[in-house]
Amino acid sequence: MITETELVRSVTDETFAAQVLARPEPVLVDFWAQWCPPCHMIAPVLAKIAAERAGTLTVRTIDNDANPVTGARFRVMSLPTLILFVAGEPVATFVGAQPKARLLARIDDALR
């Protein structure tokens, strides 16, 4: 059995294109850092979303400190920053930790 946290995989500058941009389904990417308390607060929310939306939405995380190229490319200025990609293109950006219901509503709005 796959656990919620196993559904949320990490990507790097090197794997970002294959694991995010090339995916056929929408991908929500969490830009985070170890030192960021709100980043740790949103992690269980993202795990629940990944489990609930498995098959229709992929969730990935990227350590912004360890992978500065990708964060700079997408102009990540605050953490956590969540970027929703559809067909390899960013379609929505959410900054800061948010409750699950609010985040899901914003994702659904962006996917319409």
PDB file of N, CA and C in Angstrom:
ATOM      1  N   MET A   1       0.833  -1.187   0.000  1.00  0.00           N
ATOM      2  CA  MET A   1       0.000   0.000   0.000  1.00  0.00           C
ATOM      3  C   MET A   1       0.878   1.250   0.000  1.00  0.00           C
ATOM      4  N   ILE A   2       0.553   2.196  -0.846  1.00  0.00           N
ATOM      5  CA  ILE A   2       1.314   3.441  -0.934  1.00  0.00           C
ATOM      6  C   ILE A   2       0.756   4.428   0.088  1.00  0.00           C
ATOM      7  N   THR A   3       1.653   5.029   0.868  1.00  0.00           N
ATOM      8  CA  THR A   3       1.214   6.008   1.852  1.00  0.00           C
ATOM      9  C   THR A   3       1.097   7.383   1.197  1.00  0.00           C
ATOM     10  N   GLU A   4       0.400   8.289   1.879  1.00  0.00           N
ATOM     11  CA  GLU A   4       0.236   9.645   1.352  1.00  0.00           C
ATOM     12  C   GLU A   4       1.575  10.299   1.065  1.00  0.00           C
ATOM     13  N   THR A   5       2.517  10.176   2.005  1.00  0.00           N
ATOM     14  CA  THR A   5       3.792  10.854   1.826  1.00  0.00           C
ATOM     15  C   THR A   5       4.604  10.274   0.679  1.00  0.00           C
ATOM     16  N   GLU A   6       4.382   9.019   0.334  1.00  0.00           N
ATOM     17  CA  GLU A   6       5.099   8.424  -0.800  1.00  0.00           C
ATOM     18  C   GLU A   6       4.589   8.962  -2.135  1.00  0.00           C
ATOM     19  N   LEU A   7       3.398   9.532  -2.154  1.00  0.00           N
ATOM     20  CA  LEU A   7       2.850  10.105  -3.372  1.00  0.00           C
ATOM     21  C   LEU A   7       3.493  11.445  -3.711  1.00  0.00           C
ATOM     22  N   VAL A   8       4.064  12.102  -2.707  1.00  0.00           N
ATOM     23  CA  VAL A   8       4.704  13.396  -2.910  1.00  0.00           C
ATOM     24  C   VAL A   8       6.207  13.151  -3.020  1.00  0.00           C
ATOM     25  N   ARG A   9       6.710  13.208  -4.241  1.00  0.00           N
ATOM     26  CA  ARG A   9       8.131  12.932  -4.475  1.00  0.00           C
ATOM     27  C   ARG A   9       8.905  14.214  -4.704  1.00  0.00           C
ATOM     28  N   SER A  10      10.181  14.169  -4.370  1.00  0.00           N
ATOM     29  CA  SER A  10      11.056  15.320  -4.574  1.00  0.00           C
ATOM     30  C   SER A  10      11.633  15.306  -5.971  1.00  0.00           C
ATOM     31  N   VAL A  11      11.823  16.510  -6.504  1.00  0.00           N
ATOM     32  CA  VAL A  11      12.514  16.676  -7.782  1.00  0.00           C
ATOM     33  C   VAL A  11      13.693  17.605  -7.556  1.00  0.00           C
ATOM     34  N   THR A  12      14.577  17.668  -8.535  1.00  0.00           N
ATOM     35  CA  THR A  12      15.763  18.516  -8.464  1.00  0.00           C
ATOM     36  C   THR A  12      15.835  19.364  -9.724  1.00  0.00           C
ATOM     37  N   ASP A  13      16.810  20.255  -9.769  1.00  0.00           N
ATOM     38  CA  ASP A  13      17.026  21.026 -10.995  1.00  0.00           C
ATOM     39  C   ASP A  13      17.184  20.091 -12.191  1.00  0.00           C
ATOM     40  N   GLU A  14      17.861  18.968 -11.973  1.00  0.00           N
ATOM     41  CA  GLU A  14      18.153  18.030 -13.056  1.00  0.00           C
ATOM     42  C   GLU A  14      16.933  17.209 -13.484  1.00  0.00           C
ATOM     43  N   THR A  15      16.036  16.910 -12.561  1.00  0.00           N
ATOM     44  CA  THR A  15      14.892  16.044 -12.879  1.00  0.00           C
ATOM     45  C   THR A  15      13.594  16.815 -13.113  1.00  0.00           C
ATOM     46  N   PHE A  16      13.618  18.128 -12.925  1.00  0.00           N
ATOM     47  CA  PHE A  16      12.410  18.937 -13.006  1.00  0.00           C
ATOM     48  C   PHE A  16      11.695  18.802 -14.354  1.00  0.00           C
ATOM     49  N   ALA A  17      12.416  18.897 -15.442  1.00  0.00           N
ATOM     50  CA  ALA A  17      11.784  18.843 -16.770  1.00  0.00           C
ATOM     51  C   ALA A  17      11.046  17.522 -16.969  1.00  0.00           C
ATOM     52  N   ALA A  18      11.679  16.401 -16.619  1.00  0.00           N
ATOM     53  CA  ALA A  18      11.058  15.093 -16.832  1.00  0.00           C
ATOM     54  C   ALA A  18       9.919  14.835 -15.841  1.00  0.00           C
ATOM     55  N   GLN A  19      10.091  15.250 -14.588  1.00  0.00           N
ATOM     56  CA  GLN A  19       9.109  14.941 -13.551  1.00  0.00           C
ATOM     57  C   GLN A  19       7.962  15.943 -13.439  1.00  0.00           C
ATOM     58  N   VAL A  20       8.124  17.112 -14.068  1.00  0.00           N
ATOM     59  CA  VAL A  20       7.080  18.132 -13.975  1.00  0.00           C
ATOM     60  C   VAL A  20       6.617  18.569 -15.358  1.00  0.00           C
ATOM     61  N   LEU A  21       7.520  19.117 -16.134  1.00  0.00           N
ATOM     62  CA  LEU A  21       7.142  19.720 -17.410  1.00  0.00           C
ATOM     63  C   LEU A  21       6.659  18.712 -18.443  1.00  0.00           C
ATOM     64  N   ALA A  22       7.169  17.486 -18.394  1.00  0.00           N
ATOM     65  CA  ALA A  22       6.806  16.473 -19.391  1.00  0.00           C
ATOM     66  C   ALA A  22       5.593  15.632 -18.990  1.00  0.00           C
ATOM     67  N   ARG A  23       5.041  15.852 -17.807  1.00  0.00           N
ATOM     68  CA  ARG A  23       3.908  15.039 -17.348  1.00  0.00           C
ATOM     69  C   ARG A  23       2.633  15.416 -18.080  1.00  0.00           C
ATOM     70  N   PRO A  24       1.812  14.431 -18.428  1.00  0.00           N
ATOM     71  CA  PRO A  24       0.563  14.737 -19.129  1.00  0.00           C
ATOM     72  C   PRO A  24      -0.517  15.319 -18.205  1.00  0.00           C
ATOM     73  N   GLU A  25      -0.499  14.946 -16.930  1.00  0.00           N
ATOM     74  CA  GLU A  25      -1.498  15.441 -15.984  1.00  0.00           C
ATOM     75  C   GLU A  25      -0.988  16.727 -15.323  1.00  0.00           C
ATOM     76  N   PRO A  26      -1.883  17.500 -14.715  1.00  0.00           N
ATOM     77  CA  PRO A  26      -1.437  18.687 -13.977  1.00  0.00           C
ATOM     78  C   PRO A  26      -0.488  18.293 -12.840  1.00  0.00           C
ATOM     79  N   VAL A  27       0.492  19.163 -12.584  1.00  0.00           N
ATOM     80  CA  VAL A  27       1.477  18.916 -11.525  1.00  0.00           C
ATOM     81  C   VAL A  27       1.536  20.144 -10.623  1.00  0.00           C
ATOM     82  N   LEU A  28       1.358  19.912  -9.329  1.00  0.00           N
ATOM     83  CA  LEU A  28       1.499  20.969  -8.331  1.00  0.00           C
ATOM     84  C   LEU A  28       2.885  20.826  -7.717  1.00  0.00           C
ATOM     85  N   VAL A  29       3.695  21.870  -7.832  1.00  0.00           N
ATOM     86  CA  VAL A  29       5.068  21.828  -7.321  1.00  0.00           C
ATOM     87  C   VAL A  29       5.180  22.733  -6.101  1.00  0.00           C
ATOM     88  N   ASP A  30       5.695  22.168  -5.030  1.00  0.00           N
ATOM     89  CA  ASP A  30       5.910  22.872  -3.771  1.00  0.00           C
ATOM     90  C   ASP A  30       7.375  23.265  -3.675  1.00  0.00           C
ATOM     91  N   PHE A  31       7.663  24.563  -3.771  1.00  0.00           N
ATOM     92  CA  PHE A  31       9.013  25.083  -3.563  1.00  0.00           C
ATOM     93  C   PHE A  31       9.127  25.374  -2.069  1.00  0.00           C
ATOM     94  N   TRP A  32      10.081  24.725  -1.402  1.00  0.00           N
ATOM     95  CA  TRP A  32      10.183  24.796   0.049  1.00  0.00           C
ATOM     96  C   TRP A  32      11.641  24.869   0.473  1.00  0.00           C
ATOM     97  N   ALA A  33      11.873  25.041   1.775  1.00  0.00           N
ATOM     98  CA  ALA A  33      13.220  24.990   2.357  1.00  0.00           C
ATOM     99  C   ALA A  33      13.120  24.415   3.762  1.00  0.00           C
ATOM    100  N   GLN A  34      14.183  23.788   4.191  1.00  0.00           N
ATOM    101  CA  GLN A  34      14.221  23.143   5.508  1.00  0.00           C
ATOM    102  C   GLN A  34      13.977  24.143   6.632  1.00  0.00           C
ATOM    103  N   TRP A  35      14.468  25.348   6.513  1.00  0.00           N
ATOM    104  CA  TRP A  35      14.388  26.354   7.569  1.00  0.00           C
ATOM    105  C   TRP A  35      13.017  27.045   7.654  1.00  0.00           C
ATOM    106  N   CYS A  36      12.104  26.729   6.762  1.00  0.00           N
ATOM    107  CA  CYS A  36      10.837  27.449   6.597  1.00  0.00           C
ATOM    108  C   CYS A  36       9.699  26.759   7.361  1.00  0.00           C
ATOM    109  N   PRO A  37       9.266  27.293   8.525  1.00  0.00           N
ATOM    110  CA  PRO A  37       8.175  26.659   9.278  1.00  0.00           C
ATOM    111  C   PRO A  37       6.872  26.500   8.486  1.00  0.00           C
ATOM    112  N   PRO A  38       6.398  27.515   7.717  1.00  0.00           N
ATOM    113  CA  PRO A  38       5.166  27.304   6.956  1.00  0.00           C
ATOM    114  C   PRO A  38       5.292  26.184   5.913  1.00  0.00           C
ATOM    115  N   CYS A  39       6.503  25.958   5.429  1.00  0.00           N
ATOM    116  CA  CYS A  39       6.727  24.863   4.478  1.00  0.00           C
ATOM    117  C   CYS A  39       6.429  23.517   5.135  1.00  0.00           C
ATOM    118  N   HIS A  40       6.834  23.378   6.388  1.00  0.00           N
ATOM    119  CA  HIS A  40       6.573  22.131   7.116  1.00  0.00           C
ATOM    120  C   HIS A  40       5.091  22.007   7.467  1.00  0.00           C
ATOM    121  N   MET A  41       4.414  23.137   7.662  1.00  0.00           N
ATOM    122  CA  MET A  41       2.987  23.119   7.975  1.00  0.00           C
ATOM    123  C   MET A  41       2.167  22.638   6.781  1.00  0.00           C
ATOM    124  N   ILE A  42       2.576  22.999   5.578  1.00  0.00           N
ATOM    125  CA  ILE A  42       1.782  22.656   4.401  1.00  0.00           C
ATOM    126  C   ILE A  42       2.080  21.241   3.886  1.00  0.00           C
ATOM    127  N   ALA A  43       3.176  20.650   4.298  1.00  0.00           N
ATOM    128  CA  ALA A  43       3.556  19.318   3.810  1.00  0.00           C
ATOM    129  C   ALA A  43       2.461  18.264   4.023  1.00  0.00           C
ATOM    130  N   PRO A  44       1.846  18.144   5.213  1.00  0.00           N
ATOM    131  CA  PRO A  44       0.789  17.139   5.371  1.00  0.00           C
ATOM    132  C   PRO A  44      -0.452  17.451   4.533  1.00  0.00           C
ATOM    133  N   VAL A  45      -0.729  18.730   4.302  1.00  0.00           N
ATOM    134  CA  VAL A  45      -1.850  19.124   3.450  1.00  0.00           C
ATOM    135  C   VAL A  45      -1.597  18.632   2.023  1.00  0.00           C
ATOM    136  N   LEU A  46      -0.380  18.820   1.546  1.00  0.00           N
ATOM    137  CA  LEU A  46      -0.037  18.378   0.194  1.00  0.00           C
ATOM    138  C   LEU A  46      -0.090  16.859   0.078  1.00  0.00           C
ATOM    139  N   ALA A  47       0.292  16.156   1.125  1.00  0.00           N
ATOM    140  CA  ALA A  47       0.226  14.690   1.109  1.00  0.00           C
ATOM    141  C   ALA A  47      -1.225  14.223   0.996  1.00  0.00           C
ATOM    142  N   LYS A  48      -2.124  14.888   1.707  1.00  0.00           N
ATOM    143  CA  LYS A  48      -3.549  14.534   1.627  1.00  0.00           C
ATOM    144  C   LYS A  48      -4.109  14.835   0.236  1.00  0.00           C
ATOM    145  N   ILE A  49      -3.740  15.977  -0.326  1.00  0.00           N
ATOM    146  CA  ILE A  49      -4.191  16.326  -1.679  1.00  0.00           C
ATOM    147  C   ILE A  49      -3.664  15.314  -2.685  1.00  0.00           C
ATOM    148  N   ALA A  50      -2.408  14.929  -2.552  1.00  0.00           N
ATOM    149  CA  ALA A  50      -1.818  13.944  -3.468  1.00  0.00           C
ATOM    150  C   ALA A  50      -2.582  12.628  -3.407  1.00  0.00           C
ATOM    151  N   ALA A  51      -2.985  12.217  -2.207  1.00  0.00           N
ATOM    152  CA  ALA A  51      -3.729  10.963  -2.056  1.00  0.00           C
ATOM    153  C   ALA A  51      -5.135  11.084  -2.642  1.00  0.00           C
ATOM    154  N   GLU A  52      -5.810  12.193  -2.351  1.00  0.00           N
ATOM    155  CA  GLU A  52      -7.181  12.384  -2.837  1.00  0.00           C
ATOM    156  C   GLU A  52      -7.261  12.555  -4.347  1.00  0.00           C
ATOM    157  N   ARG A  53      -6.246  13.175  -4.919  1.00  0.00           N
ATOM    158  CA  ARG A  53      -6.270  13.473  -6.355  1.00  0.00           C
ATOM    159  C   ARG A  53      -5.354  12.556  -7.168  1.00  0.00           C
ATOM    160  N   ALA A  54      -4.913  11.454  -6.575  1.00  0.00           N
ATOM    161  CA  ALA A  54      -4.022  10.515  -7.285  1.00  0.00           C
ATOM    162  C   ALA A  54      -4.669  10.120  -8.603  1.00  0.00           C
ATOM    163  N   GLY A  55      -3.909  10.210  -9.671  1.00  0.00           N
ATOM    164  CA  GLY A  55      -4.412   9.872 -10.992  1.00  0.00           C
ATOM    165  C   GLY A  55      -4.846  11.081 -11.803  1.00  0.00           C
ATOM    166  N   THR A  56      -5.187  12.187 -11.112  1.00  0.00           N
ATOM    167  CA  THR A  56      -5.586  13.397 -11.839  1.00  0.00           C
ATOM    168  C   THR A  56      -4.681  14.587 -11.554  1.00  0.00           C
ATOM    169  N   LEU A  57      -3.914  14.516 -10.473  1.00  0.00           N
ATOM    170  CA  LEU A  57      -2.995  15.587 -10.099  1.00  0.00           C
ATOM    171  C   LEU A  57      -1.759  14.963  -9.464  1.00  0.00           C
ATOM    172  N   THR A  58      -0.605  15.373  -9.933  1.00  0.00           N
ATOM    173  CA  THR A  58       0.655  14.918  -9.349  1.00  0.00           C
ATOM    174  C   THR A  58       1.188  16.036  -8.467  1.00  0.00           C
ATOM    175  N   VAL A  59       1.733  15.668  -7.298  1.00  0.00           N
ATOM    176  CA  VAL A  59       2.335  16.652  -6.398  1.00  0.00           C
ATOM    177  C   VAL A  59       3.820  16.344  -6.280  1.00  0.00           C
ATOM    178  N   ARG A  60       4.639  17.363  -6.482  1.00  0.00           N
ATOM    179  CA  ARG A  60       6.085  17.240  -6.357  1.00  0.00           C
ATOM    180  C   ARG A  60       6.604  18.344  -5.452  1.00  0.00           C
ATOM    181  N   THR A  61       7.737  18.108  -4.806  1.00  0.00           N
ATOM    182  CA  THR A  61       8.386  19.136  -4.001  1.00  0.00           C
ATOM    183  C   THR A  61       9.793  19.367  -4.531  1.00  0.00           C
ATOM    184  N   ILE A  62      10.280  20.579  -4.319  1.00  0.00           N
ATOM    185  CA  ILE A  62      11.653  20.886  -4.686  1.00  0.00           C
ATOM    186  C   ILE A  62      12.243  21.787  -3.609  1.00  0.00           C
ATOM    187  N   ASP A  63      13.380  21.387  -3.077  1.00  0.00           N
ATOM    188  CA  ASP A  63      14.088  22.173  -2.064  1.00  0.00           C
ATOM    189  C   ASP A  63      14.711  23.367  -2.784  1.00  0.00           C
ATOM    190  N   ASN A  64      14.171  24.550  -2.524  1.00  0.00           N
ATOM    191  CA  ASN A  64      14.601  25.740  -3.242  1.00  0.00           C
ATOM    192  C   ASN A  64      16.050  26.100  -2.960  1.00  0.00           C
ATOM    193  N   ASP A  65      16.533  25.826  -1.751  1.00  0.00           N
ATOM    194  CA  ASP A  65      17.930  26.134  -1.420  1.00  0.00           C
ATOM    195  C   ASP A  65      18.898  25.217  -2.160  1.00  0.00           C
ATOM    196  N   ALA A  66      18.551  23.941  -2.253  1.00  0.00           N
ATOM    197  CA  ALA A  66      19.431  22.962  -2.911  1.00  0.00           C
ATOM    198  C   ALA A  66      19.309  22.994  -4.435  1.00  0.00           C
ATOM    199  N   ASN A  67      18.238  23.616  -4.941  1.00  0.00           N
ATOM    200  CA  ASN A  67      17.974  23.649  -6.384  1.00  0.00           C
ATOM    201  C   ASN A  67      17.624  25.069  -6.826  1.00  0.00           C
ATOM    202  N   PRO A  68      18.596  25.982  -6.764  1.00  0.00           N
ATOM    203  CA  PRO A  68      18.304  27.392  -7.017  1.00  0.00           C
ATOM    204  C   PRO A  68      17.972  27.724  -8.473  1.00  0.00           C
ATOM    205  N   VAL A  69      18.376  26.899  -9.406  1.00  0.00           N
ATOM    206  CA  VAL A  69      18.138  27.199 -10.820  1.00  0.00           C
ATOM    207  C   VAL A  69      16.640  27.204 -11.130  1.00  0.00           C
ATOM    208  N   THR A  70      15.940  26.183 -10.677  1.00  0.00           N
ATOM    209  CA  THR A  70      14.508  26.080 -10.965  1.00  0.00           C
ATOM    210  C   THR A  70      13.735  27.191 -10.255  1.00  0.00           C
ATOM    211  N   GLY A  71      14.061  27.454  -9.007  1.00  0.00           N
ATOM    212  CA  GLY A  71      13.391  28.534  -8.284  1.00  0.00           C
ATOM    213  C   GLY A  71      13.593  29.879  -8.968  1.00  0.00           C
ATOM    214  N   ALA A  72      14.799  30.139  -9.435  1.00  0.00           N
ATOM    215  CA  ALA A  72      15.071  31.399 -10.141  1.00  0.00           C
ATOM    216  C   ALA A  72      14.315  31.446 -11.465  1.00  0.00           C
ATOM    217  N   ARG A  73      14.255  30.335 -12.158  1.00  0.00           N
ATOM    218  CA  ARG A  73      13.565  30.285 -13.452  1.00  0.00           C
ATOM    219  C   ARG A  73      12.100  30.682 -13.331  1.00  0.00           C
ATOM    220  N   PHE A  74      11.470  30.252 -12.226  1.00  0.00           N
ATOM    221  CA  PHE A  74      10.054  30.544 -12.031  1.00  0.00           C
ATOM    222  C   PHE A  74       9.829  31.687 -11.039  1.00  0.00           C
ATOM    223  N   ARG A  75      10.868  32.444 -10.780  1.00  0.00           N
ATOM    224  CA  ARG A  75      10.818  33.657  -9.957  1.00  0.00           C
ATOM    225  C   ARG A  75      10.210  33.415  -8.578  1.00  0.00           C
ATOM    226  N   VAL A  76      10.651  32.366  -7.929  1.00  0.00           N
ATOM    227  CA  VAL A  76      10.184  32.062  -6.572  1.00  0.00           C
ATOM    228  C   VAL A  76      10.898  33.009  -5.613  1.00  0.00           C
ATOM    229  N   MET A  77      10.115  33.857  -4.944  1.00  0.00           N
ATOM    230  CA  MET A  77      10.675  34.866  -4.048  1.00  0.00           C
ATOM    231  C   MET A  77      10.347  34.595  -2.578  1.00  0.00           C
ATOM    232  N   SER A  78       9.295  33.839  -2.318  1.00  0.00           N
ATOM    233  CA  SER A  78       8.862  33.531  -0.956  1.00  0.00           C
ATOM    234  C   SER A  78       8.594  32.039  -0.856  1.00  0.00           C
ATOM    235  N   LEU A  79       8.731  31.520   0.359  1.00  0.00           N
ATOM    236  CA  LEU A  79       8.472  30.098   0.575  1.00  0.00           C
ATOM    237  C   LEU A  79       7.413  29.930   1.658  1.00  0.00           C
ATOM    238  N   PRO A  80       6.562  28.947   1.547  1.00  0.00           N
ATOM    239  CA  PRO A  80       6.429  28.051   0.400  1.00  0.00           C
ATOM    240  C   PRO A  80       5.730  28.754  -0.774  1.00  0.00           C
ATOM    241  N   THR A  81       6.136  28.399  -1.964  1.00  0.00           N
ATOM    242  CA  THR A  81       5.440  28.804  -3.176  1.00  0.00           C
ATOM    243  C   THR A  81       5.011  27.539  -3.882  1.00  0.00           C
ATOM    244  N   LEU A  82       3.739  27.484  -4.249  1.00  0.00           N
ATOM    245  CA  LEU A  82       3.200  26.351  -4.986  1.00  0.00           C
ATOM    246  C   LEU A  82       2.884  26.831  -6.391  1.00  0.00           C
ATOM    247  N   ILE A  83       3.378  26.112  -7.390  1.00  0.00           N
ATOM    248  CA  ILE A  83       3.080  26.456  -8.775  1.00  0.00           C
ATOM    249  C   ILE A  83       2.383  25.267  -9.420  1.00  0.00           C
ATOM    250  N   LEU A  84       1.249  25.537 -10.043  1.00  0.00           N
ATOM    251  CA  LEU A  84       0.485  24.516 -10.745  1.00  0.00           C
ATOM    252  C   LEU A  84       0.860  24.565 -12.223  1.00  0.00           C
ATOM    253  N   PHE A  85       1.337  23.433 -12.739  1.00  0.00           N
ATOM    254  CA  PHE A  85       1.739  23.315 -14.137  1.00  0.00           C
ATOM    255  C   PHE A  85       0.725  22.463 -14.887  1.00  0.00           C
ATOM    256  N   VAL A  86       0.342  22.906 -16.070  1.00  0.00           N
ATOM    257  CA  VAL A  86      -0.515  22.141 -16.959  1.00  0.00           C
ATOM    258  C   VAL A  86       0.166  22.126 -18.323  1.00  0.00           C
ATOM    259  N   ALA A  87       0.398  20.939 -18.860  1.00  0.00           N
ATOM    260  CA  ALA A  87       1.079  20.780 -20.145  1.00  0.00           C
ATOM    261  C   ALA A  87       2.421  21.515 -20.150  1.00  0.00           C
ATOM    262  N   GLY A  88       3.131  21.438 -19.027  1.00  0.00           N
ATOM    263  CA  GLY A  88       4.458  22.024 -18.943  1.00  0.00           C
ATOM    264  C   GLY A  88       4.498  23.524 -18.716  1.00  0.00           C
ATOM    265  N   GLU A  89       3.345  24.155 -18.584  1.00  0.00           N
ATOM    266  CA  GLU A  89       3.290  25.606 -18.399  1.00  0.00           C
ATOM    267  C   GLU A  89       2.714  25.954 -17.026  1.00  0.00           C
ATOM    268  N   PRO A  90       3.294  26.956 -16.350  1.00  0.00           N
ATOM    269  CA  PRO A  90       2.715  27.388 -15.073  1.00  0.00           C
ATOM    270  C   PRO A  90       1.399  28.115 -15.317  1.00  0.00           C
ATOM    271  N   VAL A  91       0.332  27.686 -14.643  1.00  0.00           N
ATOM    272  CA  VAL A  91      -0.978  28.303 -14.831  1.00  0.00           C
ATOM    273  C   VAL A  91      -1.469  29.031 -13.579  1.00  0.00           C
ATOM    274  N   ALA A  92      -0.879  28.733 -12.428  1.00  0.00           N
ATOM    275  CA  ALA A  92      -1.284  29.403 -11.189  1.00  0.00           C
ATOM    276  C   ALA A  92      -0.168  29.294 -10.167  1.00  0.00           C
ATOM    277  N   THR A  93      -0.059  30.328  -9.342  1.00  0.00           N
ATOM    278  CA  THR A  93       0.936  30.362  -8.273  1.00  0.00           C
ATOM    279  C   THR A  93       0.234  30.710  -6.973  1.00  0.00           C
ATOM    280  N   PHE A  94       0.552  29.962  -5.930  1.00  0.00           N
ATOM    281  CA  PHE A  94      -0.014  30.182  -4.604  1.00  0.00           C
ATOM    282  C   PHE A  94       1.148  30.351  -3.633  1.00  0.00           C
ATOM    283  N   VAL A  95       1.148  31.432  -2.860  1.00  0.00           N
ATOM    284  CA  VAL A  95       2.246  31.709  -1.936  1.00  0.00           C
ATOM    285  C   VAL A  95       1.743  31.589  -0.506  1.00  0.00           C
ATOM    286  N   GLY A  96       2.502  30.866   0.308  1.00  0.00           N
ATOM    287  CA  GLY A  96       2.178  30.724   1.716  1.00  0.00           C
ATOM    288  C   GLY A  96       1.390  29.461   2.016  1.00  0.00           C
ATOM    289  N   ALA A  97       1.436  29.066   3.273  1.00  0.00           N
ATOM    290  CA  ALA A  97       0.677  27.896   3.720  1.00  0.00           C
ATOM    291  C   ALA A  97      -0.808  28.252   3.724  1.00  0.00           C
ATOM    292  N   GLN A  98      -1.624  27.309   3.264  1.00  0.00           N
ATOM    293  CA  GLN A  98      -3.063  27.525   3.176  1.00  0.00           C
ATOM    294  C   GLN A  98      -3.800  26.281   3.637  1.00  0.00           C
ATOM    295  N   PRO A  99      -5.021  26.454   4.136  1.00  0.00           N
ATOM    296  CA  PRO A  99      -5.817  25.280   4.501  1.00  0.00           C
ATOM    297  C   PRO A  99      -6.122  24.445   3.250  1.00  0.00           C
ATOM    298  N   LYS A 100      -6.333  23.169   3.459  1.00  0.00           N
ATOM    299  CA  LYS A 100      -6.578  22.238   2.355  1.00  0.00           C
ATOM    300  C   LYS A 100      -7.764  22.662   1.491  1.00  0.00           C
ATOM    301  N   ALA A 101      -8.879  23.003   2.100  1.00  0.00           N
ATOM    302  CA  ALA A 101     -10.075  23.365   1.332  1.00  0.00           C
ATOM    303  C   ALA A 101      -9.817  24.573   0.437  1.00  0.00           C
ATOM    304  N   ARG A 102      -9.134  25.550   0.969  1.00  0.00           N
ATOM    305  CA  ARG A 102      -8.833  26.752   0.180  1.00  0.00           C
ATOM    306  C   ARG A 102      -7.899  26.432  -0.979  1.00  0.00           C
ATOM    307  N   LEU A 103      -6.870  25.646  -0.695  1.00  0.00           N
ATOM    308  CA  LEU A 103      -5.917  25.279  -1.743  1.00  0.00           C
ATOM    309  C   LEU A 103      -6.594  24.465  -2.845  1.00  0.00           C
ATOM    310  N   LEU A 104      -7.435  23.503  -2.461  1.00  0.00           N
ATOM    311  CA  LEU A 104      -8.158  22.711  -3.462  1.00  0.00           C
ATOM    312  C   LEU A 104      -9.082  23.579  -4.309  1.00  0.00           C
ATOM    313  N   ALA A 105      -9.748  24.538  -3.680  1.00  0.00           N
ATOM    314  CA  ALA A 105     -10.637  25.438  -4.430  1.00  0.00           C
ATOM    315  C   ALA A 105      -9.837  26.258  -5.432  1.00  0.00           C
ATOM    316  N   ARG A 106      -8.673  26.725  -5.029  1.00  0.00           N
ATOM    317  CA  ARG A 106      -7.836  27.516  -5.933  1.00  0.00           C
ATOM    318  C   ARG A 106      -7.275  26.657  -7.071  1.00  0.00           C
ATOM    319  N   ILE A 107      -6.917  25.422  -6.770  1.00  0.00           N
ATOM    320  CA  ILE A 107      -6.442  24.499  -7.814  1.00  0.00           C
ATOM    321  C   ILE A 107      -7.562  24.227  -8.810  1.00  0.00           C
ATOM    322  N   ASP A 108      -8.739  23.906  -8.290  1.00  0.00           N
ATOM    323  CA  ASP A 108      -9.882  23.629  -9.161  1.00  0.00           C
ATOM    324  C   ASP A 108     -10.225  24.823 -10.044  1.00  0.00           C
ATOM    325  N   ASP A 109     -10.178  26.026  -9.474  1.00  0.00           N
ATOM    326  CA  ASP A 109     -10.442  27.238 -10.266  1.00  0.00           C
ATOM    327  C   ASP A 109      -9.427  27.378 -11.397  1.00  0.00           C
ATOM    328  N   ALA A 110      -8.172  27.114 -11.090  1.00  0.00           N
ATOM    329  CA  ALA A 110      -7.115  27.247 -12.105  1.00  0.00           C
ATOM    330  C   ALA A 110      -7.238  26.205 -13.203  1.00  0.00           C
ATOM    331  N   LEU A 111      -7.809  25.055 -12.880  1.00  0.00           N
ATOM    332  CA  LEU A 111      -7.918  23.975 -13.864  1.00  0.00           C
ATOM    333  C   LEU A 111      -9.168  24.076 -14.743  1.00  0.00           C
ATOM    334  N   ARG A 112     -10.045  25.006 -14.444  1.00  0.00           N
ATOM    335  CA  ARG A 112     -11.265  25.168 -15.249  1.00  0.00           C
ATOM    336  C   ARG A 112     -10.979  25.820 -16.569  1.00  0.00           C
TER     337      ARG A 112
END
